[in-house]
Structure formats: structure tokens, C-alpha cells
């Protein structure tokens, strides 16, 4: 059993047992709980932490853990219905107020929340976008955190752009040791999503069009709409974005920003072909537009894959490309450290925007990241991760060929963590996902990945959040039964 599920099961057991304890009564010691339930010290600590967070128990250092009886607070009072008017005021007045006229001012996070949702322990997770805890380099992260904590100055305020050594590491990681990027071209961010938000809010004005791949990562659409931008889709095929349609879209909309994922695109898994890479840069340069390159999957290449193409940023001497790179996907959802690169006045705009939003990324987190990427454990983890990703992809592909062969595309991605399935015409992907969840499998419907009406129903399946390959195979078998139930 995995550590996280063991802690959850133990928390459930202790929660039931608390009914037999009086208020203030002491629970058995950690050692006694370890022996009684045959679990590790870490499992006991995590289970107790869950109950403390819920307010069911209190932990007193040196004394033990004691039951708490929550006191019922006063019944909620007051009338908050006035907020409907306040939150809607100015959303649309019937005049020409831009692309958001007549729509709520709040961002639509539904696509993001669906992929961030944590399914119950008895559900096979084919939905998540982060490594299962068993795949995360927990020991290496713990060591890096401990070493960072001992560094002089770790708790001092960092430079707003990020600590110099980490900026220099990202510059080398993105463009190579002899590349065109320098540490001064790098801004440290709180992960890739924060970098994307900063880029789109900084590089164009509210009301403008921003070009996006179709389909694309739902977080891109959410950020664009929250910034008052109008996402315009440009279709993707097996070789990446259609550059003929990209050029037409730039001329038609006069957009000055194009957001793309040239490597192992989410959700299709495609990699931009060499010819189209050059075309993207040529088109953007001729139009005076920025290319925001979201390089989220650079560290998720599978063992045995073809050599990876350089980032677009490494081929760009003129500041056309604004590059995003993050450590989060290959490590832990909690190591939210990334980089945003730009040259020229754009960097000052990005820097100012981030300062206004969040001041800076906490220095202890930056120091931890620097300790991690400089350790031998980092290279060992990446090698092991590449092997694991390939074996998990192969297990899912094999299961799909056995159970649902008509849904699998011809090209299998050599990197990333997901597969993109086209469902039979007329299939209700949302109903299918809901039925699959009730049957014990979490999958992602395709609709949130499209800025406009999708050409067909789709599902995205992730293979990094399930516990093991057995779960992947069982999840596909259950998905076949669900599709047979819903689509026939």
C-alpha cells in the first residue's frame, strides 16, 4: 500500500475510534499506534496531522495527542444575497465593453479544478497532472530542503528577479552552456502557471486577441480570459500547430501573442516538426508578435525517445520567444519553482507585473530547488523517471489496444504523461466521465481543452497519477465497460 493511502486509511480508523474517547482523553502513543496497525512512523505522523488539521485532536509536544470535542459555533446569520449584485455590476451594460461584455467578471477555473481534483482513495486516477507520490523524489527533496535550510542567508529576502545562481542555472538549462540566454534574461516564478499568468497579463492589453493551439491546456484559456483577452484557436495536427492557419490568424486578428507547447503538447502529445518550428519564428517575427513557449514537459521525455529538439528560445536572438520552464512536473506539486525568460523591454514589463502580484518567490524554496538540481540525486531521478514514464505509457497503450483499439491514434507520444483519445461521434464525454467516476475511474473530458466548439468528443488519460501499472490496466478495462454502457 502506498504511504499516502496508508495515512488516509489510518486517519479514517482513528476518526472512528475517537467516539470511544472522552473529551481531553489522551490517545495511544505513536509507537503503540504503529504496533497496533502495523504501519510506519511516517504514516502515523501524517494521519495525526490530518486529524489535527480537522480540529479533531490536538497535539501537545512532550505530552501526546488528545481528543478535542469541537464546540458548535453560532448559527450563521446575515444576508449575503447583496453580493450577487455587487459581483455582477459592470459585467456588461449592453454597450461595447470588449469580449467579456455580458459575462461574469470572475475567471472560469472549471477546467483547471477538474484536473486538480483529488479523487477518493478507491478511485483509479487517470486524470491527474502530477506525479504519484511513489514517483516523486521525496528523499532527494528532503535532503535538498535540509541543506537549503542550513545555508547562510536562506531566510533573507531574495532579489525580486530570483537568486542569481538559480537564474544562471535556468539560463544554461534552457539554452545550453554556450547559448544566447544569460541569467539576466531569467525571472524566477512560482511555477509554470504563475509564469503563464505574468506573461499574458504583461505582453498584451485587455480586449486583445491571443492565439492558442487547439486543443490546448485549459490553464492557458483560463489565464487569458481572466486577463480580459480573447483566445483565438489555431488547429493542431500530428506535426504541431498548423502554421498556414497561424499566419492567417495573425493577419485576421492582429494578435501580438501566440501561446504554444512545442514539445509533447498537452493534450495531444505532439511535438512541433522542425520545418514548422522555423515557420512559427518567421511568422511571429514578421508580424512583430511574441511566442510564449510553454516548455512544461522538457523533463518528461521517455527512455529511448529520439533526441529532443532545442527550445524555440534557443533559436531566437531577437527576443521573439518568451520561454516558460518549471521544475514542478518532474518533482512534486509543492516545488513550485519555474523560470520566465525574455529579452529587451519585455523583461522589464514581466518583472514589474510579477512584483505587483507577488513581490518574489520565497528564498527557501529557491534555495531548495538549487540544491536539488545541483545534486547527483537529480540526475538519478530523471533517469528513473524516464524509464517509469515509458513503462507506464507502454502499459496504457497495450491495454488500450486490447480493450479500445479504435480510440488510440497512430502516433504514440515519446514524452509527457497523457494520451488523447477521440471518442465515437455523438458520444457524451461529460456523461462518460461522470459514469466512469462512479465506477471507480477518474478521466478528463476533452471539452475544456478547446477555446471554441470542439470538432469531436475526446478524453485525455493520464498515466502518472495512478499507483502502478496494474491500476492503469484495470482503469482501461473499466473504461471500456463504461464506454459500452454510455455510448451504445
Protein backbone atom coordinates (compact mmCIF):
# COMPACT_ATOMS: atom_id res chain seq x y z
CA UNK A 1 0.00 0.00 0.00
CA UNK A 2 1.29 3.47 -0.79
CA UNK A 3 2.26 5.77 2.05
CA UNK A 4 -0.38 8.41 1.27
CA UNK A 5 -3.24 5.91 1.12
CA UNK A 6 -1.99 4.21 4.32
CA UNK A 7 -2.12 7.55 6.13
CA UNK A 8 -5.63 8.19 4.83
CA UNK A 9 -6.83 4.77 5.92
CA UNK A 10 -5.29 5.19 9.37
CA UNK A 11 -6.87 8.64 9.73
CA UNK A 12 -10.27 7.14 8.90
CA UNK A 13 -9.77 4.42 11.52
CA UNK A 14 -8.66 6.85 14.21
CA UNK A 15 -11.53 9.17 13.40
CA UNK A 16 -13.98 6.33 14.10
CA UNK A 17 -12.12 5.33 17.26
CA UNK A 18 -12.34 8.87 18.65
CA UNK A 19 -16.01 8.24 19.53
CA UNK A 20 -14.78 5.97 22.31
CA UNK A 21 -12.59 8.66 23.89
CA UNK A 22 -13.87 11.33 26.23
CA UNK A 23 -13.06 14.99 25.69
CA UNK A 24 -9.42 15.66 26.56
CA UNK A 25 -8.55 11.96 26.80
CA UNK A 26 -5.10 11.02 25.55
CA UNK A 27 -4.70 8.76 22.51
CA UNK A 28 -2.20 5.89 22.45
CA UNK A 29 1.40 6.84 21.73
CA UNK A 30 2.76 6.84 18.20
CA UNK A 31 4.68 3.66 18.96
CA UNK A 32 1.55 1.95 20.21
CA UNK A 33 -0.35 3.00 17.06
CA UNK A 34 2.50 1.68 14.88
CA UNK A 35 2.36 -1.70 16.57
CA UNK A 36 -1.43 -1.91 16.67
CA UNK A 37 -1.97 -1.05 12.99
CA UNK A 38 1.36 -2.29 11.57
CA UNK A 39 2.26 0.97 9.90
CA UNK A 40 5.36 3.15 9.70
CA UNK A 41 6.17 6.20 11.87
CA UNK A 42 5.61 8.45 8.82
CA UNK A 43 2.11 7.01 8.30
CA UNK A 44 1.19 7.65 11.95
CA UNK A 45 2.54 11.22 11.82
CA UNK A 46 0.60 12.00 8.64
CA UNK A 47 -2.62 10.53 9.97
CA UNK A 48 -2.34 12.53 13.20
CA UNK A 49 -1.60 15.67 11.16
CA UNK A 50 -4.85 15.13 9.23
CA UNK A 51 -6.85 14.91 12.45
CA UNK A 52 -5.10 17.96 13.92
CA UNK A 53 -5.94 19.95 10.77
CA UNK A 54 -9.57 18.89 11.13
CA UNK A 55 -9.64 20.01 14.76
CA UNK A 56 -10.50 16.50 15.97
CA UNK A 57 -7.36 16.18 18.12
CA UNK A 58 -4.68 18.44 19.50
CA UNK A 59 -1.00 17.58 19.68
CA UNK A 60 0.96 18.79 22.70
CA UNK A 61 4.74 18.36 22.26
CA UNK A 62 6.12 16.17 25.02
CA UNK A 63 2.68 15.27 26.32
CA UNK A 64 0.89 13.45 23.48
CA UNK A 65 -2.23 13.66 21.35
CA UNK A 66 -5.62 14.39 22.92
CA UNK A 67 -9.20 14.29 21.69
CA UNK A 68 -10.94 17.60 21.11
CA UNK A 69 -14.71 18.00 21.05
CA UNK A 70 -15.46 20.86 18.67
CA UNK A 71 -17.87 23.36 20.13
CA UNK A 72 -20.70 24.28 17.84
CA UNK A 73 -20.45 27.89 16.80
CA UNK A 74 -23.36 30.24 16.45
CA UNK A 75 -25.72 29.68 13.57
CA UNK A 76 -24.74 31.73 10.52
CA UNK A 77 -26.62 34.98 10.37
CA UNK A 78 -26.88 37.85 7.99
CA UNK A 79 -27.94 38.23 4.39
CA UNK A 80 -25.26 37.86 1.71
CA UNK A 81 -27.62 37.98 -1.26
CA UNK A 82 -26.48 41.57 -1.94
CA UNK A 83 -23.19 40.12 -3.23
CA UNK A 84 -24.90 38.83 -6.39
CA UNK A 85 -25.49 42.43 -7.43
CA UNK A 86 -22.07 43.68 -6.35
CA UNK A 87 -20.17 40.90 -8.09
CA UNK A 88 -22.18 41.31 -11.29
CA UNK A 89 -22.04 45.10 -11.54
CA UNK A 90 -20.12 46.23 -14.59
CA UNK A 91 -20.01 42.76 -16.17
CA UNK A 92 -21.89 44.03 -19.19
CA UNK A 93 -24.05 47.05 -19.77
CA UNK A 94 -25.21 46.49 -23.31
CA UNK A 95 -22.53 48.84 -24.64
CA UNK A 96 -19.37 47.79 -26.43
CA UNK A 97 -17.29 46.81 -23.43
CA UNK A 98 -14.99 44.23 -25.00
CA UNK A 99 -15.02 40.47 -25.33
CA UNK A 100 -16.14 39.91 -21.78
CA UNK A 101 -19.27 42.03 -22.07
CA UNK A 102 -22.29 40.32 -20.62
CA UNK A 103 -20.21 37.65 -18.88
CA UNK A 104 -19.21 37.29 -15.23
CA UNK A 105 -16.05 39.07 -14.18
CA UNK A 106 -14.67 36.10 -12.25
CA UNK A 107 -12.31 33.69 -14.01
CA UNK A 108 -13.60 30.33 -15.20
CA UNK A 109 -11.41 27.81 -13.37
CA UNK A 110 -13.59 24.77 -14.08
CA UNK A 111 -11.11 23.18 -16.48
CA UNK A 112 -8.26 23.62 -14.02
CA UNK A 113 -10.24 22.48 -10.99
CA UNK A 114 -11.20 19.28 -12.82
CA UNK A 115 -7.55 18.31 -13.33
CA UNK A 116 -6.53 19.43 -9.83
CA UNK A 117 -9.27 17.47 -8.08
CA UNK A 118 -8.02 14.64 -5.86
CA UNK A 119 -10.20 11.57 -6.37
CA UNK A 120 -11.16 9.31 -3.42
CA UNK A 121 -8.64 6.66 -2.43
CA UNK A 122 -10.69 3.87 -4.04
CA UNK A 123 -10.74 5.61 -7.46
CA UNK A 124 -8.09 4.93 -10.11
CA UNK A 125 -6.67 8.30 -11.12
CA UNK A 126 -6.29 8.66 -14.89
CA UNK A 127 -6.96 12.37 -14.61
CA UNK A 128 -4.15 13.95 -12.59
CA UNK A 129 -1.30 16.08 -13.88
CA UNK A 130 1.26 15.44 -11.13
CA UNK A 131 3.49 12.51 -10.28
CA UNK A 132 2.06 9.90 -7.94
CA UNK A 133 3.83 10.21 -4.55
CA UNK A 134 5.70 6.97 -5.23
CA UNK A 135 7.30 8.61 -8.30
CA UNK A 136 8.33 11.83 -6.58
CA UNK A 137 11.96 12.18 -5.43
CA UNK A 138 10.93 12.60 -1.80
CA UNK A 139 14.30 11.65 -0.32
CA UNK A 140 16.18 13.97 -2.68
CA UNK A 141 13.72 16.79 -1.96
CA UNK A 142 14.01 16.28 1.78
CA UNK A 143 17.81 16.35 1.55
CA UNK A 144 17.76 19.47 -0.60
CA UNK A 145 15.37 21.19 1.81
CA UNK A 146 17.56 20.32 4.78
CA UNK A 147 20.74 21.58 3.08
CA UNK A 148 18.98 24.74 1.95
CA UNK A 149 17.81 25.38 5.49
CA UNK A 150 21.41 25.38 6.69
CA UNK A 151 22.63 27.82 4.06
CA UNK A 152 23.56 31.25 5.43
CA UNK A 153 21.06 33.83 4.25
CA UNK A 154 18.36 31.34 3.28
CA UNK A 155 15.74 33.29 5.21
CA UNK A 156 16.87 36.67 3.92
CA UNK A 157 14.79 38.50 1.34
CA UNK A 158 15.78 37.41 -2.18
CA UNK A 159 16.21 39.67 -5.20
CA UNK A 160 12.83 40.20 -6.83
CA UNK A 161 14.10 38.54 -10.04
CA UNK A 162 15.30 35.46 -8.14
CA UNK A 163 18.64 34.38 -6.70
CA UNK A 164 21.46 34.74 -9.20
CA UNK A 165 22.73 31.15 -9.14
CA UNK A 166 19.27 29.73 -9.87
CA UNK A 167 18.69 32.20 -12.70
CA UNK A 168 22.04 31.22 -14.21
CA UNK A 169 21.17 27.50 -13.92
CA UNK A 170 17.87 28.01 -15.74
CA UNK A 171 19.62 30.01 -18.49
CA UNK A 172 22.04 27.10 -19.10
CA UNK A 173 19.25 24.52 -18.82
CA UNK A 174 17.13 26.27 -21.44
CA UNK A 175 19.70 27.50 -23.98
CA UNK A 176 22.80 25.40 -23.23
CA UNK A 177 26.14 26.37 -21.75
CA UNK A 178 27.05 28.46 -24.81
CA UNK A 179 23.52 29.61 -25.56
CA UNK A 180 22.23 33.11 -26.07
CA UNK A 181 20.46 33.31 -22.70
CA UNK A 182 22.12 34.79 -19.62
CA UNK A 183 20.98 34.83 -16.02
CA UNK A 184 19.82 38.41 -16.51
CA UNK A 185 17.28 37.14 -19.06
CA UNK A 186 15.60 34.90 -16.45
CA UNK A 187 12.86 35.74 -13.96
CA UNK A 188 12.18 33.12 -11.26
CA UNK A 189 8.45 32.39 -10.89
CA UNK A 190 6.21 30.35 -8.60
CA UNK A 191 5.82 27.54 -11.13
CA UNK A 192 4.62 27.43 -14.73
CA UNK A 193 1.06 28.63 -14.14
CA UNK A 194 2.28 31.77 -12.41
CA UNK A 195 4.71 32.38 -15.27
CA UNK A 196 1.92 31.99 -17.82
CA UNK A 197 -0.25 34.46 -15.91
CA UNK A 198 2.57 37.01 -15.75
CA UNK A 199 3.34 36.62 -19.46
CA UNK A 200 -0.21 37.05 -20.74
CA UNK A 201 -1.01 39.95 -18.44
CA UNK A 202 2.21 41.74 -19.43
CA UNK A 203 2.57 41.27 -23.18
CA UNK A 204 -0.81 42.44 -24.47
CA UNK A 205 -3.73 44.62 -23.43
CA UNK A 206 -7.20 43.59 -22.18
CA UNK A 207 -9.61 43.11 -25.05
CA UNK A 208 -6.94 41.90 -27.47
CA UNK A 209 -6.86 38.54 -29.19
CA UNK A 210 -4.33 35.93 -28.10
CA UNK A 211 -3.67 32.95 -30.37
CA UNK A 212 -3.68 29.49 -28.78
CA UNK A 213 -3.29 25.97 -30.06
CA UNK A 214 -6.47 23.96 -30.49
CA UNK A 215 -6.81 21.91 -28.43
CA UNK A 216 -4.71 23.49 -25.68
CA UNK A 217 -4.02 23.38 -21.97
CA UNK A 218 -7.12 24.66 -20.08
CA UNK A 219 -4.91 26.80 -17.84
CA UNK A 220 -3.93 28.89 -20.85
CA UNK A 221 -7.57 29.60 -21.65
CA UNK A 222 -8.37 30.39 -18.02
CA UNK A 223 -5.46 32.84 -17.70
CA UNK A 224 -6.26 34.55 -20.99
CA UNK A 225 -9.92 35.06 -20.13
CA UNK A 226 -9.15 36.21 -16.60
CA UNK A 227 -6.84 38.85 -18.13
CA UNK A 228 -9.68 40.08 -20.38
CA UNK A 229 -8.13 38.56 -23.52
CA UNK A 230 -9.92 36.76 -26.34
CA UNK A 231 -8.42 33.30 -27.05
CA UNK A 232 -8.45 32.51 -30.79
CA UNK A 233 -7.83 28.83 -31.60
CA UNK A 234 -5.34 27.63 -34.22
CA UNK A 235 -5.72 23.90 -35.03
CA UNK A 236 -3.00 21.34 -34.25
CA UNK A 237 -2.32 18.23 -36.32
CA UNK A 238 0.20 15.39 -35.99
CA UNK A 239 3.12 17.78 -36.66
CA UNK A 240 2.04 20.50 -34.26
CA UNK A 241 0.32 23.81 -34.89
CA UNK A 242 -0.86 24.44 -38.46
CA UNK A 243 1.47 27.28 -39.44
CA UNK A 244 -0.57 28.16 -42.52
CA UNK A 245 -3.56 28.79 -40.27
CA UNK A 246 -1.37 30.55 -37.71
CA UNK A 247 -0.28 33.09 -40.31
CA UNK A 248 -3.88 33.64 -41.39
CA UNK A 249 -5.00 34.08 -37.77
CA UNK A 250 -2.31 36.69 -37.05
CA UNK A 251 -3.32 38.72 -40.11
CA UNK A 252 -7.05 38.41 -39.33
CA UNK A 253 -6.86 39.27 -35.62
CA UNK A 254 -3.69 41.37 -35.43
CA UNK A 255 -2.81 39.34 -32.34
CA UNK A 256 0.60 40.03 -30.87
CA UNK A 257 0.89 36.89 -28.72
CA UNK A 258 0.82 33.21 -29.64
CA UNK A 259 0.97 30.62 -26.82
CA UNK A 260 2.23 27.16 -27.70
CA UNK A 261 3.67 23.95 -26.27
CA UNK A 262 6.09 22.76 -28.98
CA UNK A 263 7.23 19.67 -27.06
CA UNK A 264 4.78 16.86 -26.09
CA UNK A 265 1.83 19.24 -26.28
CA UNK A 266 -0.96 18.99 -23.72
CA UNK A 267 -3.31 17.28 -24.53
CA UNK A 268 -2.34 15.81 -27.93
CA UNK A 269 1.26 14.83 -27.08
CA UNK A 270 2.52 16.15 -30.44
CA UNK A 271 5.94 17.70 -31.00
CA UNK A 272 6.31 20.61 -33.41
CA UNK A 273 8.13 19.47 -36.56
CA UNK A 274 11.50 21.07 -37.48
CA UNK A 275 10.02 22.84 -40.51
CA UNK A 276 7.14 24.31 -38.54
CA UNK A 277 9.45 25.45 -35.74
CA UNK A 278 11.22 27.73 -38.21
CA UNK A 279 7.89 28.85 -39.65
CA UNK A 280 6.49 29.80 -36.24
CA UNK A 281 9.50 32.02 -35.58
CA UNK A 282 9.38 33.55 -39.07
CA UNK A 283 5.66 34.32 -38.85
CA UNK A 284 5.92 35.86 -35.37
CA UNK A 285 8.98 37.93 -36.27
CA UNK A 286 7.34 39.28 -39.43
CA UNK A 287 4.19 40.24 -37.50
CA UNK A 288 6.01 41.79 -34.55
CA UNK A 289 4.42 39.23 -32.23
CA UNK A 290 5.62 37.29 -29.20
CA UNK A 291 5.68 33.50 -28.98
CA UNK A 292 5.06 32.30 -25.42
CA UNK A 293 6.74 28.88 -25.34
CA UNK A 294 5.37 26.73 -22.53
CA UNK A 295 8.08 24.05 -22.21
CA UNK A 296 6.32 22.16 -19.41
CA UNK A 297 7.34 18.62 -20.50
CA UNK A 298 11.07 19.06 -21.14
CA UNK A 299 11.92 16.77 -18.19
CA UNK A 300 9.23 14.21 -19.08
CA UNK A 301 10.89 12.58 -22.11
CA UNK A 302 10.60 8.79 -22.09
CA UNK A 303 13.58 6.47 -22.03
CA UNK A 304 14.61 5.57 -25.57
CA UNK A 305 12.93 8.61 -27.14
CA UNK A 306 14.51 10.49 -30.04
CA UNK A 307 16.85 13.37 -29.17
CA UNK A 308 14.80 16.36 -28.07
CA UNK A 309 14.73 19.49 -30.23
CA UNK A 310 16.11 22.64 -28.70
CA UNK A 311 13.59 25.07 -27.25
CA UNK A 312 12.42 27.79 -29.61
CA UNK A 313 14.07 30.23 -27.22
CA UNK A 314 17.48 28.75 -28.04
CA UNK A 315 16.98 29.63 -31.73
CA UNK A 316 15.78 33.19 -31.13
CA UNK A 317 18.30 36.05 -31.00
CA UNK A 318 15.68 38.80 -31.28
CA UNK A 319 13.54 38.41 -28.18
CA UNK A 320 10.53 36.99 -30.03
CA UNK A 321 10.22 33.99 -27.69
CA UNK A 322 9.18 34.29 -24.05
CA UNK A 323 10.05 30.91 -22.58
CA UNK A 324 8.45 29.14 -19.59
CA UNK A 325 10.21 26.28 -17.78
CA UNK A 326 9.21 24.69 -14.45
CA UNK A 327 10.58 22.05 -12.08
CA UNK A 328 7.16 21.12 -10.74
CA UNK A 329 6.02 18.42 -13.18
CA UNK A 330 9.16 16.33 -12.74
CA UNK A 331 9.33 16.61 -8.95
CA UNK A 332 6.36 17.49 -6.77
CA UNK A 333 3.31 19.77 -7.00
CA UNK A 334 4.76 21.58 -3.99
CA UNK A 335 8.08 22.55 -5.60
CA UNK A 336 6.53 25.48 -7.38
CA UNK A 337 9.67 26.97 -8.89
CA UNK A 338 9.89 27.97 -12.53
CA UNK A 339 11.51 30.42 -14.89
CA UNK A 340 10.30 33.00 -17.38
CA UNK A 341 12.86 34.21 -19.94
CA UNK A 342 12.72 37.30 -22.12
CA UNK A 343 15.00 39.91 -23.66
CA UNK A 344 14.65 43.64 -24.05
CA UNK A 345 11.83 45.81 -22.71
CA UNK A 346 9.60 42.73 -22.35
CA UNK A 347 11.68 41.57 -19.38
CA UNK A 348 11.09 44.83 -17.53
CA UNK A 349 7.36 44.51 -18.18
CA UNK A 350 7.32 40.92 -16.87
CA UNK A 351 9.38 41.85 -13.83
CA UNK A 352 7.11 44.74 -12.91
CA UNK A 353 3.99 42.61 -13.29
CA UNK A 354 5.34 39.87 -11.02
CA UNK A 355 6.44 42.36 -8.36
CA UNK A 356 2.95 43.85 -8.26
CA UNK A 357 1.34 40.42 -7.99
CA UNK A 358 3.57 38.60 -5.52
CA UNK A 359 6.80 40.53 -4.75
CA UNK A 360 9.06 37.45 -5.18
CA UNK A 361 9.32 33.68 -4.86
CA UNK A 362 10.26 32.66 -1.27
CA UNK A 363 14.01 32.25 -0.97
CA UNK A 364 13.92 28.93 0.96
CA UNK A 365 12.03 27.40 -1.99
CA UNK A 366 14.55 28.79 -4.47
CA UNK A 367 17.49 27.54 -2.40
CA UNK A 368 15.88 24.10 -2.17
CA UNK A 369 15.48 23.99 -5.95
CA UNK A 370 19.09 25.00 -6.43
CA UNK A 371 20.29 22.30 -4.02
CA UNK A 372 18.15 19.70 -5.81
CA UNK A 373 19.27 20.38 -9.40
CA UNK A 374 22.91 20.53 -8.32
CA UNK A 375 22.87 17.13 -6.64
CA UNK A 376 23.66 13.69 -8.16
CA UNK A 377 20.21 12.61 -6.96
CA UNK A 378 18.63 14.94 -9.56
CA UNK A 379 20.22 13.15 -12.50
CA UNK A 380 19.40 9.75 -10.99
CA UNK A 381 15.78 10.77 -10.52
CA UNK A 382 15.43 11.95 -14.12
CA UNK A 383 16.84 8.67 -15.45
CA UNK A 384 14.47 6.64 -13.27
CA UNK A 385 11.54 8.87 -14.20
CA UNK A 386 12.23 8.44 -17.93
CA UNK A 387 12.17 4.65 -17.51
CA UNK A 388 8.99 4.76 -15.44
CA UNK A 389 7.16 7.04 -17.85
CA UNK A 390 7.98 4.73 -20.74
CA UNK A 391 6.80 1.62 -18.89
CA UNK A 392 3.58 3.33 -17.80
CA UNK A 393 2.89 4.67 -21.29
CA UNK A 394 3.51 1.23 -22.76
CA UNK A 395 1.21 -0.40 -20.21
CA UNK A 396 -1.61 2.02 -21.02
CA UNK A 397 -1.08 1.75 -24.79
CA UNK A 398 -1.10 -2.06 -24.61
CA UNK A 399 -4.28 -2.03 -22.54
CA UNK A 400 -5.96 0.38 -24.98
CA UNK A 401 -5.00 -1.76 -27.97
CA UNK A 402 -6.58 -4.73 -26.27
CA UNK A 403 -9.69 -3.02 -24.92
CA UNK A 404 -10.34 0.10 -27.05
CA UNK A 405 -8.21 -0.14 -30.19
CA UNK A 406 -10.36 2.21 -32.26
CA UNK A 407 -9.74 5.16 -29.93
CA UNK A 408 -5.94 5.20 -29.99
CA UNK A 409 -4.17 7.43 -32.52
CA UNK A 410 -1.40 6.24 -34.80
CA UNK A 411 1.38 8.32 -33.24
CA UNK A 412 2.28 7.45 -29.66
CA UNK A 413 3.99 10.32 -27.77
CA UNK A 414 7.61 9.78 -26.75
CA UNK A 415 7.24 12.11 -23.81
CA UNK A 416 4.73 13.72 -21.48
CA UNK A 417 2.27 11.87 -19.30
CA UNK A 418 -1.01 11.52 -21.19
CA UNK A 419 -2.82 10.08 -24.19
CA UNK A 420 -5.54 11.82 -26.22
CA UNK A 421 -8.45 9.64 -27.34
CA UNK A 422 -11.05 10.55 -29.93
CA UNK A 423 -14.42 9.09 -28.94
CA UNK A 424 -17.11 7.82 -31.31
CA UNK A 425 -19.15 10.56 -32.98
CA UNK A 426 -22.03 11.70 -30.82
CA UNK A 427 -20.54 10.38 -27.57
CA UNK A 428 -21.30 12.49 -24.49
CA UNK A 429 -17.85 12.85 -22.98
CA UNK A 430 -19.09 14.53 -19.79
CA UNK A 431 -21.63 11.80 -19.13
CA UNK A 432 -18.95 9.22 -19.85
CA UNK A 433 -16.51 10.84 -17.40
CA UNK A 434 -19.20 11.05 -14.71
CA UNK A 435 -20.20 7.40 -15.21
CA UNK A 436 -16.55 6.30 -15.15
CA UNK A 437 -16.01 8.14 -11.87
CA UNK A 438 -18.96 6.36 -10.28
CA UNK A 439 -17.42 3.10 -11.49
CA UNK A 440 -14.09 3.95 -9.87
CA UNK A 441 -12.03 5.60 -12.65
CA UNK A 442 -11.28 9.34 -12.98
CA UNK A 443 -10.77 10.55 -16.57
CA UNK A 444 -10.71 14.00 -18.18
CA UNK A 445 -13.32 15.09 -20.77
CA UNK A 446 -11.91 16.95 -23.74
CA UNK A 447 -14.25 19.95 -23.94
CA UNK A 448 -12.25 22.26 -21.57
CA UNK A 449 -9.23 21.98 -23.92
CA UNK A 450 -10.96 23.88 -26.73
CA UNK A 451 -11.39 27.65 -27.00
CA UNK A 452 -14.35 27.15 -29.38
CA UNK A 453 -16.63 24.26 -30.28
CA UNK A 454 -14.63 21.01 -30.48
CA UNK A 455 -14.63 19.02 -33.74
CA UNK A 456 -15.36 15.76 -31.89
CA UNK A 457 -15.67 14.33 -28.36
CA UNK A 458 -12.38 13.44 -26.67
CA UNK A 459 -10.92 12.05 -23.46
CA UNK A 460 -7.49 12.71 -22.01
CA UNK A 461 -5.95 9.87 -20.00
CA UNK A 462 -3.02 10.46 -17.64
CA UNK A 463 -0.67 7.69 -16.57
CA UNK A 464 1.41 9.42 -13.87
CA UNK A 465 -1.10 9.77 -11.03
CA UNK A 466 -2.21 6.14 -10.68
CA UNK A 467 -0.45 3.99 -8.11
CA UNK A 468 1.02 1.45 -10.56
CA UNK A 469 0.67 -0.21 -13.96
CA UNK A 470 -1.85 -2.72 -12.62
CA UNK A 471 -4.14 0.18 -11.83
CA UNK A 472 -3.62 1.56 -15.33
CA UNK A 473 -4.68 -1.72 -16.90
CA UNK A 474 -7.67 -2.08 -14.61
CA UNK A 475 -8.66 1.52 -15.29
CA UNK A 476 -8.70 0.90 -19.05
CA UNK A 477 -10.78 -2.28 -18.61
CA UNK A 478 -13.31 -0.34 -16.56
CA UNK A 479 -13.29 2.49 -19.10
CA UNK A 480 -14.16 0.01 -21.86
CA UNK A 481 -17.18 -1.18 -19.86
CA UNK A 482 -18.21 2.41 -19.22
CA UNK A 483 -17.97 3.37 -22.89
CA UNK A 484 -20.03 0.32 -23.83
CA UNK A 485 -22.66 1.40 -21.28
CA UNK A 486 -22.80 5.09 -22.23
CA UNK A 487 -22.18 5.02 -25.99
CA UNK A 488 -24.39 2.09 -27.02
